[in-house]
Amino acid sequence: PKIENKNINKAIKETSNLIITYKGKPINSFYHGSNGGISAKANESWKINDYPYFNPMIDGLDSLKKSFKLPIKNEDILNKFFELSNEKFYGNDHYLFRWEKMISAETIQNSLIKSELLEDKSDLMDLNILERGSSGRVTKLEIKFHNFEKSTFIVKDDIRRILSFLPSNLFTINKLNDNFWLFKGGGFGHGVGLSQSGAIEMAELGFTYEQILKHYYQGTKIKKIEILS
């Protein structure tokens, strides 16, 4: 049976013919599940040019923005960010707002074999984060093996695609022993644009849809378009 939600129908009707624009042109309105408390630039997540309306931004109360300055340059700063009080962030009740995963060498190797970056199982030696974007997201990861001179490098969206056990690229790595690594992270998805869990909480706090959209798509305007028949 077809179930209609009156609130959804009302929202569709009230926003009919409205589009988000930047300097008069329609935007790429990317969105994701949870940004883990900080949004990403587009070229941190993908191999594309940046957009001026996507900038790293702490997604929470003004008091939080005053107490924590961007960019997040290293693991120590990111770990301190993860420890900040959750109730100040928008969307912190998302089930992957903060996450920890203990991952085995075998799991990592299976992911690499599946993606054809590794032919056979090998002794994994280390994982090194080589580069981070200004939101703290990992943009280049090195994987080293005992019996190979050359390392394997994974960048940007390939990290999450290949190592599919990672909910996001916003993480730190702690080597527990030769067989296990602890990934500690935040968020679910690429982190660019609108955070669905953040937008829901902002709406519950009384922000209008215009305020929410301008919060996530910085410097944009909402314009009415005429339908051509």
Protein backbone atom coordinates (compact mmCIF):
# COMPACT_ATOMS: atom_id res chain seq x y z
CA PRO A 1 0.00 0.00 0.00
CA LYS A 2 1.08 3.53 -0.77
CA ILE A 3 1.76 5.46 2.43
CA GLU A 4 1.92 9.22 2.19
CA ASN A 5 3.43 11.47 4.83
CA LYS A 6 1.56 14.76 5.16
CA ASN A 7 4.66 16.63 6.35
CA ILE A 8 6.72 15.40 3.38
CA ASN A 9 3.96 16.37 0.92
CA LYS A 10 3.69 19.80 2.59
CA ALA A 11 7.47 20.33 2.36
CA ILE A 12 7.51 19.33 -1.33
CA LYS A 13 4.65 21.72 -2.11
CA GLU A 14 6.17 24.64 -0.19
CA THR A 15 9.62 24.27 -1.81
CA SER A 16 8.34 23.60 -5.34
CA ASN A 17 10.37 25.43 -8.03
CA LEU A 18 13.11 26.39 -5.57
CA ILE A 19 16.78 25.62 -6.29
CA ILE A 20 20.03 26.34 -4.43
CA THR A 21 22.37 28.60 -6.40
CA TYR A 22 25.87 30.04 -6.09
CA LYS A 23 26.52 33.23 -8.09
CA GLY A 24 23.31 32.57 -10.03
CA LYS A 25 24.13 28.97 -11.03
CA PRO A 26 22.69 25.73 -9.59
CA ILE A 27 25.03 24.00 -7.13
CA ASN A 28 26.16 20.41 -6.72
CA SER A 29 24.22 19.68 -3.53
CA PHE A 30 26.22 16.76 -2.14
CA TYR A 31 24.97 15.16 1.08
CA HIS A 32 25.88 12.24 3.37
CA GLY A 33 24.81 10.48 6.57
CA SER A 34 27.07 12.04 9.20
CA ASN A 35 30.12 14.32 8.98
CA GLY A 36 31.41 13.30 12.41
CA GLY A 37 31.24 16.92 13.55
CA ILE A 38 33.28 18.49 10.76
CA SER A 39 32.47 18.93 7.07
CA ALA A 40 34.93 18.27 4.25
CA LYS A 41 36.13 20.12 1.15
CA ALA A 42 35.15 18.41 -2.09
CA ASN A 43 38.74 17.71 -3.18
CA GLU A 44 39.52 16.02 0.15
CA SER A 45 37.00 13.35 -0.70
CA TRP A 46 37.30 13.05 -4.48
CA LYS A 47 39.81 13.81 -7.22
CA ILE A 48 37.90 16.87 -8.38
CA ASN A 49 38.26 20.65 -8.27
CA ASP A 50 37.04 22.40 -5.14
CA TYR A 51 33.75 24.26 -4.89
CA PRO A 52 33.68 27.59 -3.01
CA TYR A 53 30.54 26.60 -1.08
CA PHE A 54 32.15 23.52 0.54
CA ASN A 55 34.65 24.39 3.26
CA PRO A 56 35.74 22.55 6.40
CA MET A 57 33.41 23.69 9.17
CA ILE A 58 32.88 22.47 12.71
CA ASP A 59 29.25 21.41 12.66
CA GLY A 60 27.87 22.52 16.00
CA LEU A 61 27.24 25.32 18.44
CA ASP A 62 29.22 28.57 18.20
CA SER A 63 30.92 27.81 21.54
CA LEU A 64 32.42 24.70 19.92
CA LYS A 65 33.80 26.72 17.00
CA LYS A 66 35.48 29.11 19.43
CA SER A 67 37.09 26.32 21.43
CA PHE A 68 38.50 24.41 18.43
CA LYS A 69 40.36 25.99 15.53
CA LEU A 70 40.79 24.53 12.05
CA PRO A 71 42.60 23.08 10.14
CA ILE A 72 43.12 19.68 11.77
CA LYS A 73 46.72 18.97 10.79
CA ASN A 74 47.68 15.78 12.60
CA GLU A 75 46.60 12.73 14.57
CA ASP A 76 47.01 14.37 17.99
CA ILE A 77 44.69 17.26 17.11
CA LEU A 78 42.15 14.85 15.59
CA ASN A 79 42.17 12.66 18.71
CA LYS A 80 41.49 15.78 20.82
CA PHE A 81 38.65 16.66 18.43
CA PHE A 82 37.13 13.17 18.91
CA GLU A 83 37.15 13.72 22.67
CA LEU A 84 35.14 16.98 22.52
CA SER A 85 31.78 16.96 24.25
CA ASN A 86 29.29 15.31 21.87
CA GLU A 87 26.20 17.29 22.87
CA LYS A 88 27.59 20.45 21.25
CA PHE A 89 27.63 18.89 17.76
CA TYR A 90 24.70 18.75 15.35
CA GLY A 91 23.79 15.16 14.50
CA ASN A 92 25.86 13.54 17.24
CA ASP A 93 23.16 10.90 17.86
CA HIS A 94 23.99 9.18 14.54
CA TYR A 95 25.09 5.61 15.27
CA LEU A 96 28.43 6.21 13.47
CA PHE A 97 29.10 9.73 14.77
CA ARG A 98 32.01 8.13 16.67
CA TRP A 99 33.28 4.64 15.90
CA GLU A 100 36.13 2.26 16.67
CA LYS A 101 37.07 -0.80 14.63
CA MET A 102 39.74 -3.39 15.40
CA ILE A 103 40.81 -4.73 12.02
CA SER A 104 43.07 -7.72 11.28
CA ALA A 105 45.90 -7.89 8.75
CA GLU A 106 43.91 -10.61 6.96
CA THR A 107 40.87 -8.34 6.55
CA ILE A 108 43.06 -5.57 5.08
CA GLN A 109 44.75 -8.02 2.69
CA ASN A 110 41.43 -9.52 1.58
CA SER A 111 40.21 -5.98 0.76
CA LEU A 112 43.33 -5.34 -1.33
CA ILE A 113 43.05 -8.71 -3.15
CA LYS A 114 39.37 -8.06 -3.90
CA SER A 115 40.33 -4.68 -5.42
CA GLU A 116 43.22 -6.30 -7.37
CA LEU A 117 45.88 -4.24 -5.58
CA LEU A 118 47.45 -7.42 -4.18
CA GLU A 119 47.79 -10.79 -5.91
CA ASP A 120 48.39 -13.13 -2.98
CA LYS A 121 48.43 -12.90 0.80
CA SER A 122 51.59 -11.33 2.09
CA ASP A 123 53.02 -10.27 5.46
CA LEU A 124 51.57 -6.86 6.19
CA MET A 125 54.12 -4.60 7.85
CA ASP A 126 52.50 -1.25 8.45
CA LEU A 127 49.85 1.34 7.63
CA ASN A 128 50.96 4.96 7.44
CA ILE A 129 48.80 8.04 7.01
CA LEU A 130 50.83 10.23 4.67
CA GLU A 131 48.43 13.11 4.03
CA ARG A 132 45.33 14.65 5.58
CA GLY A 133 42.97 17.29 4.21
CA SER A 134 42.20 20.42 6.20
CA SER A 135 39.21 18.74 7.89
CA GLY A 136 41.54 16.00 9.17
CA ARG A 137 40.33 13.40 6.68
CA VAL A 138 42.91 10.95 5.37
CA THR A 139 43.74 11.72 1.73
CA LYS A 140 46.74 9.38 1.25
CA LEU A 141 47.38 6.05 2.96
CA GLU A 142 50.51 3.89 2.57
CA ILE A 143 50.38 0.11 3.04
CA LYS A 144 53.75 -1.60 3.46
CA PHE A 145 54.60 -5.31 3.17
CA HIS A 146 57.55 -7.31 4.53
CA ASN A 147 58.32 -9.09 1.29
CA PHE A 148 57.76 -6.22 -1.17
CA GLU A 149 60.03 -3.23 -1.60
CA LYS A 150 57.26 -1.12 -3.08
CA SER A 151 54.40 0.15 -0.94
CA THR A 152 50.77 0.34 -1.99
CA PHE A 153 49.22 3.82 -1.88
CA ILE A 154 45.50 4.57 -1.68
CA VAL A 155 44.09 8.09 -2.00
CA LYS A 156 40.86 9.97 -1.19
CA ASP A 157 37.59 8.14 -2.01
CA ASP A 158 39.53 4.97 -2.91
CA ILE A 159 40.42 4.55 0.78
CA ARG A 160 36.80 4.06 1.81
CA ARG A 161 35.92 2.14 -1.35
CA ILE A 162 38.79 -0.36 -1.06
CA LEU A 163 38.90 -0.61 2.74
CA SER A 164 35.12 -0.92 2.89
CA PHE A 165 35.11 -1.59 6.65
CA LEU A 166 35.82 2.15 7.14
CA PRO A 167 32.63 4.27 7.49
CA SER A 168 34.55 7.47 6.64
CA ASN A 169 38.02 8.92 5.95
CA LEU A 170 38.00 10.82 9.25
CA PHE A 171 40.12 8.48 11.38
CA THR A 172 43.33 7.76 13.26
CA ILE A 173 45.21 4.43 13.26
CA ASN A 174 46.86 2.74 16.23
CA LYS A 175 48.92 -0.41 15.60
CA LEU A 176 48.11 -2.90 18.38
CA ASN A 177 50.47 -5.68 17.17
CA ASP A 178 51.60 -7.26 13.90
CA ASN A 179 48.12 -8.61 13.25
CA PHE A 180 45.72 -5.93 14.45
CA TRP A 181 45.15 -2.20 13.98
CA LEU A 182 42.67 0.00 15.81
CA PHE A 183 40.87 2.52 13.62
CA LYS A 184 39.21 5.31 15.59
CA GLY A 185 36.99 7.65 13.62
CA GLY A 186 33.93 9.77 13.12
CA GLY A 187 31.08 10.04 10.65
CA PHE A 188 29.52 8.01 7.86
CA GLY A 189 30.07 8.94 4.22
CA HIS A 190 32.22 11.45 2.35
CA GLY A 191 31.49 14.43 4.62
CA VAL A 192 30.91 16.97 1.82
CA GLY A 193 27.87 19.26 1.94
CA LEU A 194 24.76 18.52 3.98
CA SER A 195 24.95 16.10 6.89
CA GLN A 196 21.56 14.36 7.05
CA SER A 197 21.82 13.69 10.80
CA GLY A 198 22.98 17.26 11.41
CA ALA A 199 20.16 18.74 9.33
CA ILE A 200 17.57 16.65 11.22
CA GLU A 201 18.86 17.91 14.57
CA MET A 202 18.99 21.53 13.37
CA ALA A 203 15.35 21.23 12.23
CA GLU A 204 14.38 19.82 15.64
CA LEU A 205 16.13 22.79 17.29
CA GLY A 206 13.94 25.17 15.27
CA PHE A 207 16.20 26.21 12.37
CA THR A 208 14.34 26.86 9.09
CA TYR A 209 15.19 24.92 5.94
CA GLU A 210 16.75 28.11 4.50
CA GLN A 211 19.06 28.40 7.53
CA ILE A 212 20.01 24.72 7.34
CA LEU A 213 20.80 24.86 3.62
CA LYS A 214 22.87 28.04 3.99
CA HIS A 215 24.72 26.44 6.91
CA TYR A 216 25.83 23.44 4.83
CA TYR A 217 26.10 25.16 1.42
CA GLN A 218 28.05 28.28 2.34
CA GLY A 219 27.44 31.52 0.48
CA THR A 220 24.55 30.10 -1.56
CA LYS A 221 21.11 31.54 -2.28
CA ILE A 222 17.73 29.88 -2.76
CA LYS A 223 16.02 31.03 -5.97
CA LYS A 224 12.73 30.31 -7.68
CA ILE A 225 12.85 28.86 -11.18
CA GLU A 226 10.16 29.06 -13.80
CA ILE A 227 9.02 25.76 -15.25
CA LEU A 228 9.17 25.78 -19.04
CA SER A 229 6.33 23.82 -20.61
